[in-house]
Amino acid sequence: MKKSIESLKSREAQLKARIVNAENKARHTKSRKDTRKKVLVGTYFRREYLHNGEWMCLMNMLDSFLTRPYDRALFGLPVAVGDQIIEKQLSEEESIGLRGTILIGAYFLDQYKCDLETLVKRVAPFIKRNVDRELFGLPTIDSDVELLPF
């Protein structure tokens, strides 16, 4: 009887470990997908605002959204350091990198959270890879179909 109880407890511990691993994997996958969405949306809007000469308009929108000093500095927005306000204007040509692109994506995903359908329609022509289209619930594209240039 002791062996069967020990065996069951061992099995229980193994199952609990498998459950924890599966939950961690699911969380990690969701996080990766969320980050990929932010990259795609951020890239779309960064290009759109640069192309239309509205970089400063985008910076004004991000001004109230970004609160962490590092994120604000990345875009050249004023940063409070102690009693001082440090300002460095970021030009359109300066690269904001991947982190900046993700932050732009996060901003627009937040702005469109009540109307994701409109956001998806807006960025759909830009999203060309089928794996990315699936993230937004878009139909896949046949390889024969000509893709729209951005």
N, C-alpha and C. Protein backbone atom coordinates (compact mmCIF):
# COMPACT_ATOMS: atom_id res chain seq x y z
N MET A 1 0.82 -1.20 0.00
CA MET A 1 0.00 0.00 0.00
C MET A 1 0.87 1.26 0.00
N LYS A 2 1.97 1.26 0.80
CA LYS A 2 2.86 2.41 0.86
C LYS A 2 3.47 2.71 -0.50
N LYS A 3 3.84 1.65 -1.23
CA LYS A 3 4.44 1.84 -2.55
C LYS A 3 3.45 2.48 -3.51
N SER A 4 2.20 2.09 -3.45
CA SER A 4 1.21 2.66 -4.37
C SER A 4 0.94 4.13 -4.03
N ILE A 5 0.94 4.47 -2.74
CA ILE A 5 0.76 5.88 -2.35
C ILE A 5 1.96 6.70 -2.80
N GLU A 6 3.15 6.16 -2.58
CA GLU A 6 4.36 6.86 -3.02
C GLU A 6 4.38 7.01 -4.53
N SER A 7 3.96 5.97 -5.19
CA SER A 7 3.90 6.01 -6.65
C SER A 7 2.91 7.07 -7.13
N LEU A 8 1.75 7.14 -6.49
CA LEU A 8 0.74 8.15 -6.86
C LEU A 8 1.24 9.57 -6.57
N LYS A 9 1.92 9.73 -5.43
CA LYS A 9 2.46 11.06 -5.10
C LYS A 9 3.54 11.47 -6.08
N SER A 10 4.35 10.52 -6.49
CA SER A 10 5.39 10.79 -7.49
C SER A 10 4.74 11.21 -8.81
N ARG A 11 3.72 10.47 -9.18
CA ARG A 11 2.99 10.78 -10.43
C ARG A 11 2.35 12.17 -10.34
N GLU A 12 1.77 12.48 -9.17
CA GLU A 12 1.14 13.79 -8.95
C GLU A 12 2.17 14.90 -9.13
N ALA A 13 3.36 14.73 -8.56
CA ALA A 13 4.42 15.73 -8.67
C ALA A 13 4.84 15.91 -10.12
N GLN A 14 4.92 14.81 -10.86
CA GLN A 14 5.28 14.89 -12.28
C GLN A 14 4.22 15.65 -13.07
N LEU A 15 2.95 15.35 -12.79
CA LEU A 15 1.86 16.04 -13.49
C LEU A 15 1.83 17.53 -13.17
N LYS A 16 2.06 17.87 -11.90
CA LYS A 16 2.10 19.28 -11.51
C LYS A 16 3.23 20.01 -12.25
N ALA A 17 4.37 19.37 -12.36
CA ALA A 17 5.50 19.97 -13.07
C ALA A 17 5.17 20.16 -14.55
N ARG A 18 4.51 19.19 -15.15
CA ARG A 18 4.11 19.30 -16.56
C ARG A 18 3.11 20.44 -16.75
N ILE A 19 2.18 20.58 -15.80
CA ILE A 19 1.19 21.67 -15.87
C ILE A 19 1.89 23.02 -15.80
N VAL A 20 2.81 23.16 -14.86
CA VAL A 20 3.56 24.42 -14.71
C VAL A 20 4.33 24.72 -16.00
N ASN A 21 4.98 23.72 -16.57
CA ASN A 21 5.73 23.91 -17.81
C ASN A 21 4.81 24.33 -18.95
N ALA A 22 3.64 23.70 -19.06
CA ALA A 22 2.69 24.03 -20.12
C ALA A 22 2.17 25.46 -19.95
N GLU A 23 1.88 25.86 -18.71
CA GLU A 23 1.41 27.22 -18.44
C GLU A 23 2.48 28.25 -18.79
N ASN A 24 3.73 27.96 -18.42
CA ASN A 24 4.84 28.86 -18.75
C ASN A 24 5.02 29.00 -20.26
N LYS A 25 4.93 27.89 -20.96
CA LYS A 25 5.08 27.91 -22.40
C LYS A 25 3.96 28.72 -23.05
N ALA A 26 2.73 28.56 -22.57
CA ALA A 26 1.59 29.31 -23.11
C ALA A 26 1.77 30.81 -22.86
N ARG A 27 2.24 31.17 -21.67
CA ARG A 27 2.48 32.59 -21.35
C ARG A 27 3.56 33.17 -22.25
N HIS A 28 4.62 32.41 -22.45
CA HIS A 28 5.73 32.86 -23.29
C HIS A 28 5.27 33.04 -24.74
N THR A 29 4.49 32.10 -25.24
CA THR A 29 3.97 32.19 -26.61
C THR A 29 3.08 33.41 -26.77
N LYS A 30 2.21 33.65 -25.79
CA LYS A 30 1.32 34.82 -25.85
C LYS A 30 2.13 36.11 -25.84
N SER A 31 3.15 36.15 -25.00
CA SER A 31 4.00 37.34 -24.91
C SER A 31 4.72 37.59 -26.24
N ARG A 32 5.23 36.53 -26.86
CA ARG A 32 5.91 36.68 -28.16
C ARG A 32 4.95 37.18 -29.22
N LYS A 33 3.74 36.67 -29.23
CA LYS A 33 2.74 37.10 -30.21
C LYS A 33 2.35 38.57 -29.98
N ASP A 34 2.18 38.96 -28.72
CA ASP A 34 1.86 40.35 -28.40
C ASP A 34 2.98 41.29 -28.85
N THR A 35 4.21 40.89 -28.61
CA THR A 35 5.35 41.71 -29.03
C THR A 35 5.41 41.81 -30.55
N ARG A 36 5.16 40.72 -31.24
CA ARG A 36 5.18 40.73 -32.71
C ARG A 36 4.09 41.67 -33.24
N LYS A 37 2.92 41.65 -32.64
CA LYS A 37 1.85 42.57 -33.05
C LYS A 37 2.30 44.02 -32.87
N LYS A 38 2.93 44.31 -31.74
CA LYS A 38 3.40 45.67 -31.48
C LYS A 38 4.44 46.09 -32.52
N VAL A 39 5.33 45.18 -32.88
CA VAL A 39 6.35 45.48 -33.89
C VAL A 39 5.68 45.81 -35.22
N LEU A 40 4.73 44.99 -35.63
CA LEU A 40 4.06 45.21 -36.92
C LEU A 40 3.28 46.52 -36.94
N VAL A 41 2.49 46.75 -35.91
CA VAL A 41 1.69 47.97 -35.84
C VAL A 41 2.61 49.19 -35.71
N GLY A 42 3.64 49.08 -34.88
CA GLY A 42 4.59 50.18 -34.71
C GLY A 42 5.32 50.53 -35.99
N THR A 43 5.73 49.52 -36.72
CA THR A 43 6.42 49.75 -37.99
C THR A 43 5.49 50.45 -38.98
N TYR A 44 4.26 49.98 -39.05
CA TYR A 44 3.29 50.60 -39.96
C TYR A 44 3.12 52.08 -39.64
N PHE A 45 2.84 52.42 -38.39
CA PHE A 45 2.57 53.82 -38.04
C PHE A 45 3.84 54.68 -38.08
N ARG A 46 4.98 54.11 -37.71
CA ARG A 46 6.23 54.87 -37.82
C ARG A 46 6.47 55.28 -39.26
N ARG A 47 6.32 54.33 -40.17
CA ARG A 47 6.50 54.64 -41.60
C ARG A 47 5.46 55.64 -42.10
N GLU A 48 4.22 55.45 -41.68
CA GLU A 48 3.15 56.34 -42.13
C GLU A 48 3.41 57.78 -41.69
N TYR A 49 3.77 57.96 -40.43
CA TYR A 49 4.00 59.31 -39.93
C TYR A 49 5.26 59.93 -40.53
N LEU A 50 6.28 59.14 -40.74
CA LEU A 50 7.48 59.67 -41.40
C LEU A 50 7.18 60.03 -42.85
N HIS A 51 6.50 59.15 -43.56
CA HIS A 51 6.18 59.36 -44.98
C HIS A 51 5.31 60.61 -45.17
N ASN A 52 4.41 60.85 -44.25
CA ASN A 52 3.50 62.00 -44.37
C ASN A 52 4.06 63.27 -43.72
N GLY A 53 5.30 63.20 -43.24
CA GLY A 53 5.91 64.38 -42.64
C GLY A 53 5.25 64.79 -41.32
N GLU A 54 4.72 63.84 -40.59
CA GLU A 54 4.00 64.14 -39.35
C GLU A 54 4.69 63.55 -38.12
N TRP A 55 6.01 63.50 -38.17
CA TRP A 55 6.77 62.92 -37.06
C TRP A 55 6.48 63.63 -35.74
N MET A 56 6.44 64.95 -35.78
CA MET A 56 6.21 65.70 -34.54
C MET A 56 4.81 65.45 -33.99
N CYS A 57 3.86 65.23 -34.86
CA CYS A 57 2.50 64.88 -34.43
C CYS A 57 2.54 63.56 -33.65
N LEU A 58 3.29 62.60 -34.16
CA LEU A 58 3.43 61.31 -33.48
C LEU A 58 4.12 61.51 -32.13
N MET A 59 5.14 62.36 -32.08
CA MET A 59 5.84 62.61 -30.82
C MET A 59 4.89 63.23 -29.80
N ASN A 60 4.02 64.13 -30.25
CA ASN A 60 3.04 64.75 -29.35
C ASN A 60 2.07 63.71 -28.79
N MET A 61 1.68 62.75 -29.62
CA MET A 61 0.78 61.69 -29.15
C MET A 61 1.49 60.82 -28.12
N LEU A 62 2.75 60.49 -28.38
CA LEU A 62 3.50 59.62 -27.47
C LEU A 62 3.87 60.33 -26.16
N ASP A 63 3.90 61.65 -26.17
CA ASP A 63 4.32 62.42 -25.01
C ASP A 63 3.50 62.06 -23.76
N SER A 64 2.20 61.94 -23.90
CA SER A 64 1.38 61.62 -22.73
C SER A 64 1.33 60.12 -22.44
N PHE A 65 1.67 59.31 -23.43
CA PHE A 65 1.62 57.86 -23.28
C PHE A 65 2.85 57.30 -22.58
N LEU A 66 4.01 57.84 -22.90
CA LEU A 66 5.26 57.33 -22.36
C LEU A 66 5.56 57.98 -21.02
N THR A 67 5.78 57.16 -20.00
CA THR A 67 6.02 57.69 -18.66
C THR A 67 7.42 57.36 -18.14
N ARG A 68 8.00 56.26 -18.57
CA ARG A 68 9.32 55.88 -18.08
C ARG A 68 10.40 56.75 -18.72
N PRO A 69 11.34 57.25 -17.91
CA PRO A 69 12.38 58.14 -18.44
C PRO A 69 13.14 57.55 -19.63
N TYR A 70 13.50 56.28 -19.56
CA TYR A 70 14.25 55.66 -20.66
C TYR A 70 13.44 55.70 -21.96
N ASP A 71 12.15 55.39 -21.87
CA ASP A 71 11.30 55.39 -23.06
C ASP A 71 11.13 56.80 -23.62
N ARG A 72 10.96 57.77 -22.74
CA ARG A 72 10.82 59.17 -23.18
C ARG A 72 12.10 59.66 -23.84
N ALA A 73 13.24 59.32 -23.26
CA ALA A 73 14.52 59.74 -23.82
C ALA A 73 14.75 59.11 -25.20
N LEU A 74 14.27 57.91 -25.38
CA LEU A 74 14.41 57.21 -26.66
C LEU A 74 13.81 58.02 -27.80
N PHE A 75 12.72 58.75 -27.51
CA PHE A 75 12.04 59.56 -28.52
C PHE A 75 12.41 61.04 -28.44
N GLY A 76 13.34 61.37 -27.57
CA GLY A 76 13.74 62.76 -27.45
C GLY A 76 12.71 63.61 -26.73
N LEU A 77 11.85 62.98 -25.93
CA LEU A 77 10.84 63.71 -25.16
C LEU A 77 11.45 64.18 -23.85
N PRO A 78 10.94 65.28 -23.29
CA PRO A 78 11.49 65.78 -22.02
C PRO A 78 11.45 64.71 -20.93
N VAL A 79 12.54 64.65 -20.18
CA VAL A 79 12.67 63.68 -19.09
C VAL A 79 12.99 64.45 -17.82
N ALA A 80 12.24 64.15 -16.75
CA ALA A 80 12.51 64.78 -15.46
C ALA A 80 13.57 63.97 -14.73
N VAL A 81 14.67 64.64 -14.37
CA VAL A 81 15.72 64.01 -13.59
C VAL A 81 15.92 64.90 -12.36
N GLY A 82 15.38 64.44 -11.24
CA GLY A 82 15.41 65.27 -10.04
C GLY A 82 14.57 66.52 -10.28
N ASP A 83 15.19 67.69 -10.11
CA ASP A 83 14.50 68.95 -10.32
C ASP A 83 14.65 69.46 -11.74
N GLN A 84 15.46 68.79 -12.55
CA GLN A 84 15.75 69.25 -13.90
C GLN A 84 14.89 68.54 -14.93
N ILE A 85 14.57 69.27 -15.99
CA ILE A 85 13.92 68.69 -17.15
C ILE A 85 14.96 68.67 -18.27
N ILE A 86 15.27 67.48 -18.75
CA ILE A 86 16.25 67.33 -19.83
C ILE A 86 15.49 67.14 -21.13
N GLU A 87 15.82 67.97 -22.10
CA GLU A 87 15.16 67.86 -23.40
C GLU A 87 16.20 67.63 -24.48
N LYS A 88 15.93 66.69 -25.35
CA LYS A 88 16.77 66.43 -26.52
C LYS A 88 15.81 66.14 -27.66
N GLN A 89 15.75 67.00 -28.60
CA GLN A 89 14.84 66.81 -29.73
C GLN A 89 15.37 65.72 -30.65
N LEU A 90 14.56 64.75 -30.96
CA LEU A 90 14.93 63.65 -31.84
C LEU A 90 14.44 63.98 -33.24
N SER A 91 15.34 63.93 -34.20
CA SER A 91 14.94 64.20 -35.58
C SER A 91 14.31 62.97 -36.20
N GLU A 92 13.61 63.18 -37.29
CA GLU A 92 12.95 62.08 -37.99
C GLU A 92 13.96 61.05 -38.49
N GLU A 93 15.16 61.51 -38.81
CA GLU A 93 16.15 60.60 -39.39
C GLU A 93 16.80 59.70 -38.35
N GLU A 94 16.79 60.11 -37.10
CA GLU A 94 17.43 59.32 -36.06
C GLU A 94 16.64 58.03 -35.83
N SER A 95 17.36 56.96 -35.66
CA SER A 95 16.72 55.66 -35.48
C SER A 95 16.23 55.51 -34.05
N ILE A 96 14.99 55.05 -33.91
CA ILE A 96 14.45 54.77 -32.58
C ILE A 96 14.59 53.30 -32.24
N GLY A 97 15.01 52.50 -33.21
CA GLY A 97 15.27 51.09 -32.98
C GLY A 97 14.02 50.26 -32.72
N LEU A 98 14.27 49.02 -32.39
CA LEU A 98 13.19 48.08 -32.17
C LEU A 98 12.35 48.46 -30.97
N ARG A 99 12.99 48.88 -29.88
CA ARG A 99 12.24 49.27 -28.68
C ARG A 99 11.28 50.42 -28.99
N GLY A 100 11.73 51.39 -29.74
CA GLY A 100 10.86 52.51 -30.10
C GLY A 100 9.70 52.06 -30.97
N THR A 101 9.97 51.16 -31.89
CA THR A 101 8.93 50.63 -32.75
C THR A 101 7.88 49.88 -31.92
N ILE A 102 8.33 49.10 -30.95
CA ILE A 102 7.41 48.37 -30.08
C ILE A 102 6.56 49.34 -29.27
N LEU A 103 7.16 50.42 -28.79
CA LEU A 103 6.42 51.40 -28.02
C LEU A 103 5.37 52.12 -28.87
N ILE A 104 5.71 52.42 -30.12
CA ILE A 104 4.72 53.03 -31.02
C ILE A 104 3.57 52.05 -31.24
N GLY A 105 3.91 50.77 -31.46
CA GLY A 105 2.88 49.75 -31.62
C GLY A 105 1.99 49.64 -30.39
N ALA A 106 2.60 49.66 -29.21
CA ALA A 106 1.84 49.58 -27.96
C ALA A 106 0.88 50.76 -27.84
N TYR A 107 1.36 51.95 -28.23
CA TYR A 107 0.51 53.14 -28.17
C TYR A 107 -0.72 52.97 -29.05
N PHE A 108 -0.52 52.57 -30.30
CA PHE A 108 -1.65 52.46 -31.22
C PHE A 108 -2.56 51.28 -30.89
N LEU A 109 -2.01 50.19 -30.39
CA LEU A 109 -2.87 49.09 -29.94
C LEU A 109 -3.74 49.54 -28.77
N ASP A 110 -3.17 50.37 -27.89
CA ASP A 110 -3.94 50.91 -26.78
C ASP A 110 -5.02 51.87 -27.28
N GLN A 111 -4.67 52.71 -28.24
CA GLN A 111 -5.63 53.69 -28.77
C GLN A 111 -6.80 53.02 -29.50
N TYR A 112 -6.53 51.91 -30.13
CA TYR A 112 -7.55 51.20 -30.91
C TYR A 112 -8.16 50.01 -30.17
N LYS A 113 -7.90 49.89 -28.87
CA LYS A 113 -8.35 48.69 -28.16
C LYS A 113 -9.86 48.49 -28.21
N CYS A 114 -10.62 49.56 -28.35
CA CYS A 114 -12.07 49.44 -28.45
C CYS A 114 -12.52 49.22 -29.89
N ASP A 115 -11.62 49.40 -30.83
CA ASP A 115 -11.98 49.26 -32.24
C ASP A 115 -10.83 48.60 -33.01
N LEU A 116 -10.47 47.41 -32.58
CA LEU A 116 -9.36 46.70 -33.22
C LEU A 116 -9.63 46.39 -34.69
N GLU A 117 -10.90 46.25 -35.03
CA GLU A 117 -11.25 45.95 -36.43
C GLU A 117 -10.76 47.06 -37.36
N THR A 118 -10.92 48.32 -36.95
CA THR A 118 -10.45 49.44 -37.76
C THR A 118 -8.93 49.41 -37.88
N LEU A 119 -8.25 49.13 -36.78
CA LEU A 119 -6.79 49.06 -36.80
C LEU A 119 -6.33 47.95 -37.74
N VAL A 120 -6.95 46.79 -37.65
CA VAL A 120 -6.56 45.66 -38.49
C VAL A 120 -6.78 45.99 -39.96
N LYS A 121 -7.90 46.63 -40.29
CA LYS A 121 -8.16 47.03 -41.69
C LYS A 121 -7.09 48.00 -42.18
N ARG A 122 -6.66 48.86 -41.30
CA ARG A 122 -5.67 49.87 -41.67
C ARG A 122 -4.30 49.25 -41.96
N VAL A 123 -3.89 48.31 -41.13
CA VAL A 123 -2.55 47.74 -41.29
C VAL A 123 -2.52 46.50 -42.18
N ALA A 124 -3.68 45.95 -42.53
CA ALA A 124 -3.75 44.70 -43.29
C ALA A 124 -2.91 44.71 -44.58
N PRO A 125 -2.96 45.76 -45.41
CA PRO A 125 -2.15 45.73 -46.64
C PRO A 125 -0.65 45.66 -46.38
N PHE A 126 -0.21 46.12 -45.22
CA PHE A 126 1.19 46.14 -44.85
C PHE A 126 1.68 44.76 -44.39
N ILE A 127 0.78 43.95 -43.85
CA ILE A 127 1.16 42.66 -43.27
C ILE A 127 1.16 41.60 -44.37
N LYS A 128 2.36 41.13 -44.69
CA LYS A 128 2.53 40.27 -45.87
C LYS A 128 2.77 38.80 -45.52
N ARG A 129 3.42 38.54 -44.40
CA ARG A 129 3.71 37.15 -44.03
C ARG A 129 2.45 36.50 -43.46
N ASN A 130 2.16 35.30 -43.92
CA ASN A 130 0.96 34.60 -43.47
C ASN A 130 0.95 34.37 -41.96
N VAL A 131 2.11 34.07 -41.39
CA VAL A 131 2.17 33.85 -39.95
C VAL A 131 1.79 35.13 -39.20
N ASP A 132 2.15 36.30 -39.74
CA ASP A 132 1.78 37.57 -39.13
C ASP A 132 0.30 37.88 -39.37
N ARG A 133 -0.20 37.55 -40.54
CA ARG A 133 -1.61 37.78 -40.85
C ARG A 133 -2.50 36.98 -39.90
N GLU A 134 -2.06 35.78 -39.54
CA GLU A 134 -2.83 34.95 -38.62
C GLU A 134 -2.93 35.58 -37.23
N LEU A 135 -1.90 36.34 -36.81
CA LEU A 135 -1.94 37.02 -35.52
C LEU A 135 -3.11 38.00 -35.44
N PHE A 136 -3.45 38.58 -36.58
CA PHE A 136 -4.52 39.58 -36.62
C PHE A 136 -5.84 38.99 -37.12
N GLY A 137 -5.86 37.69 -37.34
CA GLY A 137 -7.08 37.05 -37.82
C GLY A 137 -7.38 37.36 -39.28
N LEU A 138 -6.34 37.68 -40.04
CA LEU A 138 -6.51 37.99 -41.46
C LEU A 138 -6.37 36.72 -42.29
N PRO A 139 -7.02 36.67 -43.44
CA PRO A 139 -6.85 35.49 -44.29
C PRO A 139 -5.42 35.44 -44.83
N THR A 140 -4.97 34.23 -45.06
CA THR A 140 -3.62 34.07 -45.60
C THR A 140 -3.60 34.46 -47.07
N ILE A 141 -2.41 34.75 -47.56
CA ILE A 141 -2.23 35.18 -48.94
C ILE A 141 -1.56 34.05 -49.70
N ASP A 142 -2.12 33.71 -50.87
CA ASP A 142 -1.46 32.72 -51.72
C ASP A 142 -0.16 33.31 -52.23
N SER A 143 0.83 32.47 -52.43
CA SER A 143 2.12 32.97 -52.89
C SER A 143 2.03 33.52 -54.31
N ASP A 144 0.99 33.15 -55.08
CA ASP A 144 0.82 33.65 -56.44
C ASP A 144 0.29 35.08 -56.47
N VAL A 145 -0.38 35.49 -55.38
CA VAL A 145 -1.02 36.79 -55.34
C VAL A 145 0.04 37.89 -55.18
N GLU A 146 -0.13 38.97 -55.95
CA GLU A 146 0.82 40.08 -55.87
C GLU A 146 0.52 40.86 -54.59
N LEU A 147 1.57 41.10 -53.79
CA LEU A 147 1.41 41.83 -52.55
C LEU A 147 1.46 43.33 -52.80
N LEU A 148 0.68 44.06 -51.99
CA LEU A 148 0.68 45.52 -52.12
C LEU A 148 1.98 46.08 -51.56
N PRO A 149 2.64 46.96 -52.28
CA PRO A 149 3.84 47.58 -51.71
C PRO A 149 3.45 48.62 -50.68
N PHE A 150 4.33 48.86 -49.74
CA PHE A 150 4.05 49.90 -48.74
C PHE A 150 4.84 51.13 -49.07
